[in-house]
Amino acid sequence: MMKTLHTMALSLGFGLLMAQQLQAQEQNCAPRPAVLAKLTDQFGETRQSIGLAAQGSVVEVFASADTGSWTIIVTLPNGMSCLIAAGQSFETLAELLPAGGKDV
């Protein structure tokens, strides 16, 4: 389940990035150090997962165990990080795959 959720998040993030790349760069993007500082200082979020997307982009999920807030960002090869999604009620799951290794 976790693998599927991460794959879905990565796919969603990349799709949204490509569809709105120009608009997002103007509205929801900033240099990576500034984005990380805001996520850490303002929201208390730390990186929970990371993955590679197409064309050298990096997709990351940040979350706070204290507040439950979460943020998904994509960092482009040029060092700009763009907000893809954010919300509340983040939970870390440790689910086992069903017998046979098929994710349901």
N, C-alpha and C. Protein backbone atom coordinates (compact mmCIF):
# COMPACT_ATOMS: atom_id res chain seq x y z
N MET A 1 0.83 -1.19 0.00
CA MET A 1 0.00 0.00 0.00
C MET A 1 0.87 1.25 0.00
N MET A 2 1.90 1.26 0.84
CA MET A 2 2.77 2.43 0.90
C MET A 2 3.45 2.67 -0.43
N LYS A 3 3.89 1.58 -1.07
CA LYS A 3 4.56 1.71 -2.37
C LYS A 3 3.60 2.31 -3.38
N THR A 4 2.37 1.86 -3.36
CA THR A 4 1.37 2.39 -4.28
C THR A 4 1.08 3.85 -3.98
N LEU A 5 0.96 4.21 -2.71
CA LEU A 5 0.70 5.60 -2.35
C LEU A 5 1.84 6.51 -2.78
N HIS A 6 3.06 6.06 -2.57
CA HIS A 6 4.20 6.87 -2.98
C HIS A 6 4.26 7.00 -4.50
N THR A 7 3.99 5.91 -5.22
CA THR A 7 3.98 5.95 -6.67
C THR A 7 2.90 6.89 -7.17
N MET A 8 1.73 6.83 -6.55
CA MET A 8 0.65 7.73 -6.93
C MET A 8 1.02 9.16 -6.65
N ALA A 9 1.63 9.43 -5.52
CA ALA A 9 2.03 10.79 -5.18
C ALA A 9 3.07 11.31 -6.17
N LEU A 10 4.02 10.46 -6.52
CA LEU A 10 5.04 10.85 -7.49
C LEU A 10 4.42 11.13 -8.85
N SER A 11 3.52 10.27 -9.28
CA SER A 11 2.87 10.44 -10.58
C SER A 11 2.02 11.71 -10.59
N LEU A 12 1.26 11.92 -9.53
CA LEU A 12 0.44 13.11 -9.42
C LEU A 12 1.31 14.36 -9.43
N GLY A 13 2.36 14.32 -8.65
CA GLY A 13 3.25 15.47 -8.58
C GLY A 13 3.87 15.80 -9.92
N PHE A 14 4.33 14.80 -10.64
CA PHE A 14 4.94 15.04 -11.93
C PHE A 14 3.90 15.55 -12.92
N GLY A 15 2.72 14.96 -12.91
CA GLY A 15 1.67 15.39 -13.84
C GLY A 15 1.27 16.83 -13.60
N LEU A 16 1.07 17.18 -12.34
CA LEU A 16 0.73 18.56 -12.02
C LEU A 16 1.85 19.52 -12.38
N LEU A 17 3.07 19.07 -12.14
CA LEU A 17 4.22 19.91 -12.45
C LEU A 17 4.28 20.22 -13.94
N MET A 18 4.14 19.20 -14.75
CA MET A 18 4.24 19.40 -16.19
C MET A 18 3.07 20.22 -16.72
N ALA A 19 1.88 20.01 -16.19
CA ALA A 19 0.70 20.72 -16.67
C ALA A 19 0.71 22.20 -16.32
N GLN A 20 1.33 22.54 -15.20
CA GLN A 20 1.28 23.92 -14.73
C GLN A 20 2.67 24.47 -14.43
N GLN A 21 3.67 23.98 -15.12
CA GLN A 21 5.05 24.33 -14.78
C GLN A 21 5.29 25.84 -14.81
N LEU A 22 4.87 26.50 -15.87
CA LEU A 22 5.14 27.93 -15.96
C LEU A 22 4.39 28.71 -14.90
N GLN A 23 3.12 28.39 -14.72
CA GLN A 23 2.33 29.08 -13.71
C GLN A 23 2.87 28.81 -12.31
N ALA A 24 3.22 27.57 -12.03
CA ALA A 24 3.71 27.20 -10.70
C ALA A 24 5.03 27.89 -10.39
N GLN A 25 5.89 28.02 -11.38
CA GLN A 25 7.17 28.65 -11.13
C GLN A 25 7.00 30.09 -10.68
N GLU A 26 5.96 30.75 -11.16
CA GLU A 26 5.72 32.13 -10.77
C GLU A 26 5.03 32.23 -9.41
N GLN A 27 4.15 31.26 -9.08
CA GLN A 27 3.31 31.39 -7.91
C GLN A 27 3.74 30.53 -6.72
N ASN A 28 4.16 29.30 -6.95
CA ASN A 28 4.37 28.36 -5.85
C ASN A 28 5.78 27.80 -5.80
N CYS A 29 6.75 28.49 -6.37
CA CYS A 29 8.11 27.99 -6.40
C CYS A 29 9.07 29.00 -5.79
N ALA A 30 10.16 28.46 -5.26
CA ALA A 30 11.22 29.29 -4.68
C ALA A 30 12.48 28.45 -4.65
N PRO A 31 13.63 29.07 -4.44
CA PRO A 31 14.86 28.27 -4.30
C PRO A 31 14.70 27.25 -3.17
N ARG A 32 15.25 26.06 -3.37
CA ARG A 32 15.10 24.96 -2.42
C ARG A 32 15.41 25.35 -0.97
N PRO A 33 16.52 26.05 -0.69
CA PRO A 33 16.81 26.40 0.71
C PRO A 33 15.70 27.23 1.36
N ALA A 34 15.07 28.12 0.61
CA ALA A 34 13.99 28.93 1.16
C ALA A 34 12.76 28.08 1.45
N VAL A 35 12.46 27.13 0.57
CA VAL A 35 11.30 26.25 0.78
C VAL A 35 11.53 25.37 2.00
N LEU A 36 12.72 24.79 2.11
CA LEU A 36 13.02 23.93 3.27
C LEU A 36 12.96 24.71 4.58
N ALA A 37 13.47 25.93 4.56
CA ALA A 37 13.42 26.76 5.77
C ALA A 37 11.98 27.02 6.19
N LYS A 38 11.12 27.32 5.23
CA LYS A 38 9.72 27.58 5.56
C LYS A 38 9.04 26.33 6.10
N LEU A 39 9.27 25.19 5.46
CA LEU A 39 8.64 23.95 5.92
C LEU A 39 9.10 23.59 7.33
N THR A 40 10.38 23.81 7.61
CA THR A 40 10.93 23.49 8.93
C THR A 40 10.51 24.51 9.98
N ASP A 41 10.76 25.77 9.70
CA ASP A 41 10.54 26.83 10.70
C ASP A 41 9.06 27.13 10.94
N GLN A 42 8.28 27.25 9.88
CA GLN A 42 6.88 27.64 10.03
C GLN A 42 5.96 26.46 10.34
N PHE A 43 6.25 25.29 9.75
CA PHE A 43 5.34 24.16 9.89
C PHE A 43 5.91 23.00 10.70
N GLY A 44 7.19 23.02 11.03
CA GLY A 44 7.81 21.95 11.80
C GLY A 44 7.86 20.63 11.04
N GLU A 45 7.87 20.69 9.71
CA GLU A 45 7.86 19.48 8.90
C GLU A 45 9.27 19.00 8.58
N THR A 46 9.42 17.69 8.51
CA THR A 46 10.68 17.06 8.11
C THR A 46 10.39 16.11 6.96
N ARG A 47 11.42 15.78 6.20
CA ARG A 47 11.24 14.90 5.04
C ARG A 47 10.88 13.50 5.50
N GLN A 48 9.82 12.95 4.89
CA GLN A 48 9.33 11.61 5.20
C GLN A 48 9.63 10.62 4.09
N SER A 49 9.69 11.10 2.85
CA SER A 49 10.01 10.21 1.73
C SER A 49 10.54 11.04 0.57
N ILE A 50 11.20 10.33 -0.35
CA ILE A 50 11.83 10.98 -1.49
C ILE A 50 11.81 10.03 -2.68
N GLY A 51 11.72 10.58 -3.87
CA GLY A 51 11.75 9.75 -5.08
C GLY A 51 12.16 10.58 -6.28
N LEU A 52 12.63 9.90 -7.30
CA LEU A 52 13.03 10.57 -8.53
C LEU A 52 11.88 10.55 -9.53
N ALA A 53 11.69 11.67 -10.20
CA ALA A 53 10.69 11.78 -11.26
C ALA A 53 11.42 11.98 -12.58
N ALA A 54 10.67 12.14 -13.63
CA ALA A 54 11.25 12.31 -14.96
C ALA A 54 12.10 13.57 -15.05
N GLN A 55 13.04 13.55 -15.94
CA GLN A 55 13.88 14.70 -16.26
C GLN A 55 14.68 15.22 -15.07
N GLY A 56 15.03 14.33 -14.16
CA GLY A 56 15.90 14.70 -13.05
C GLY A 56 15.24 15.44 -11.91
N SER A 57 13.92 15.49 -11.88
CA SER A 57 13.21 16.15 -10.77
C SER A 57 13.16 15.23 -9.56
N VAL A 58 13.12 15.82 -8.38
CA VAL A 58 13.04 15.08 -7.13
C VAL A 58 11.72 15.42 -6.45
N VAL A 59 10.95 14.40 -6.08
CA VAL A 59 9.67 14.58 -5.39
C VAL A 59 9.88 14.19 -3.93
N GLU A 60 9.43 15.06 -3.01
CA GLU A 60 9.60 14.79 -1.59
C GLU A 60 8.29 15.05 -0.84
N VAL A 61 8.07 14.25 0.19
CA VAL A 61 6.95 14.45 1.09
C VAL A 61 7.52 14.86 2.44
N PHE A 62 7.04 15.99 2.95
CA PHE A 62 7.43 16.50 4.27
C PHE A 62 6.19 16.44 5.16
N ALA A 63 6.39 16.20 6.46
CA ALA A 63 5.26 16.15 7.38
C ALA A 63 5.72 16.44 8.79
N SER A 64 4.76 16.83 9.61
CA SER A 64 5.01 17.08 11.03
C SER A 64 4.23 16.06 11.85
N ALA A 65 4.93 15.30 12.69
CA ALA A 65 4.28 14.34 13.58
C ALA A 65 3.47 15.06 14.65
N ASP A 66 3.87 16.28 14.99
CA ASP A 66 3.18 17.04 16.05
C ASP A 66 1.85 17.61 15.58
N THR A 67 1.84 18.21 14.38
CA THR A 67 0.64 18.90 13.91
C THR A 67 -0.14 18.11 12.88
N GLY A 68 0.49 17.14 12.22
CA GLY A 68 -0.16 16.37 11.18
C GLY A 68 -0.15 17.05 9.82
N SER A 69 0.47 18.23 9.72
CA SER A 69 0.52 18.90 8.42
C SER A 69 1.49 18.16 7.51
N TRP A 70 1.25 18.24 6.19
CA TRP A 70 2.12 17.59 5.22
C TRP A 70 2.20 18.45 3.96
N THR A 71 3.31 18.29 3.24
CA THR A 71 3.56 19.05 2.01
C THR A 71 4.30 18.15 1.02
N ILE A 72 3.90 18.21 -0.24
CA ILE A 72 4.61 17.53 -1.31
C ILE A 72 5.25 18.60 -2.19
N ILE A 73 6.56 18.48 -2.41
CA ILE A 73 7.25 19.41 -3.29
C ILE A 73 7.98 18.65 -4.39
N VAL A 74 8.24 19.36 -5.49
CA VAL A 74 9.08 18.85 -6.57
C VAL A 74 10.22 19.84 -6.73
N THR A 75 11.44 19.32 -6.73
CA THR A 75 12.61 20.16 -6.94
C THR A 75 13.14 19.88 -8.34
N LEU A 76 13.23 20.93 -9.13
CA LEU A 76 13.71 20.83 -10.51
C LEU A 76 15.23 20.84 -10.54
N PRO A 77 15.82 20.38 -11.64
CA PRO A 77 17.28 20.37 -11.73
C PRO A 77 17.92 21.75 -11.55
N ASN A 78 17.18 22.82 -11.80
CA ASN A 78 17.73 24.17 -11.63
C ASN A 78 17.73 24.65 -10.18
N GLY A 79 17.25 23.78 -9.24
CA GLY A 79 17.27 24.13 -7.82
C GLY A 79 16.01 24.78 -7.29
N MET A 80 15.04 25.00 -8.17
CA MET A 80 13.77 25.58 -7.73
C MET A 80 12.88 24.46 -7.20
N SER A 81 12.24 24.70 -6.05
CA SER A 81 11.30 23.74 -5.47
C SER A 81 9.90 24.31 -5.60
N CYS A 82 8.96 23.46 -6.03
CA CYS A 82 7.59 23.89 -6.27
C CYS A 82 6.62 23.09 -5.41
N LEU A 83 5.67 23.79 -4.81
CA LEU A 83 4.63 23.16 -4.01
C LEU A 83 3.66 22.44 -4.93
N ILE A 84 3.42 21.17 -4.64
CA ILE A 84 2.47 20.37 -5.42
C ILE A 84 1.16 20.20 -4.65
N ALA A 85 1.25 19.90 -3.37
CA ALA A 85 0.05 19.71 -2.55
C ALA A 85 0.43 19.86 -1.09
N ALA A 86 -0.57 20.18 -0.27
CA ALA A 86 -0.36 20.29 1.18
C ALA A 86 -1.68 19.98 1.87
N GLY A 87 -1.59 19.54 3.13
CA GLY A 87 -2.82 19.23 3.85
C GLY A 87 -2.56 18.89 5.30
N GLN A 88 -3.54 18.24 5.90
CA GLN A 88 -3.50 17.89 7.31
C GLN A 88 -3.73 16.40 7.50
N SER A 89 -3.58 15.94 8.73
CA SER A 89 -3.86 14.56 9.15
C SER A 89 -2.91 13.54 8.55
N PHE A 90 -1.63 13.88 8.44
CA PHE A 90 -0.63 12.94 7.94
C PHE A 90 -0.45 11.81 8.94
N GLU A 91 -0.35 10.60 8.42
CA GLU A 91 -0.08 9.42 9.24
C GLU A 91 0.98 8.58 8.56
N THR A 92 1.89 8.04 9.33
CA THR A 92 2.88 7.10 8.81
C THR A 92 2.30 5.70 8.96
N LEU A 93 2.29 4.97 7.87
CA LEU A 93 1.74 3.61 7.89
C LEU A 93 2.84 2.60 7.64
N ALA A 94 2.68 1.44 8.24
CA ALA A 94 3.60 0.32 8.01
C ALA A 94 2.75 -0.90 7.71
N GLU A 95 2.20 -0.93 6.51
CA GLU A 95 1.31 -2.01 6.13
C GLU A 95 2.07 -3.07 5.36
N LEU A 96 1.70 -4.32 5.59
CA LEU A 96 2.30 -5.43 4.87
C LEU A 96 1.53 -5.68 3.58
N LEU A 97 2.25 -6.17 2.56
CA LEU A 97 1.58 -6.56 1.33
C LEU A 97 0.76 -7.81 1.56
N PRO A 98 -0.36 -7.95 0.84
CA PRO A 98 -1.13 -9.18 0.94
C PRO A 98 -0.32 -10.37 0.45
N ALA A 99 -0.72 -11.57 0.81
CA ALA A 99 -0.04 -12.77 0.35
C ALA A 99 0.05 -12.77 -1.17
N GLY A 100 1.18 -13.18 -1.69
CA GLY A 100 1.37 -13.20 -3.13
C GLY A 100 2.04 -11.95 -3.64
N GLY A 101 2.25 -10.96 -2.77
CA GLY A 101 2.96 -9.76 -3.15
C GLY A 101 2.17 -8.78 -3.99
N LYS A 102 0.85 -8.96 -4.10
CA LYS A 102 0.04 -8.03 -4.88
C LYS A 102 -0.49 -6.94 -3.97
N ASP A 103 -0.32 -5.71 -4.41
CA ASP A 103 -0.80 -4.55 -3.64
C ASP A 103 -2.28 -4.34 -3.97
N VAL A 104 -3.10 -4.28 -2.93
CA VAL A 104 -4.54 -4.11 -3.13
C VAL A 104 -4.92 -2.70 -2.81
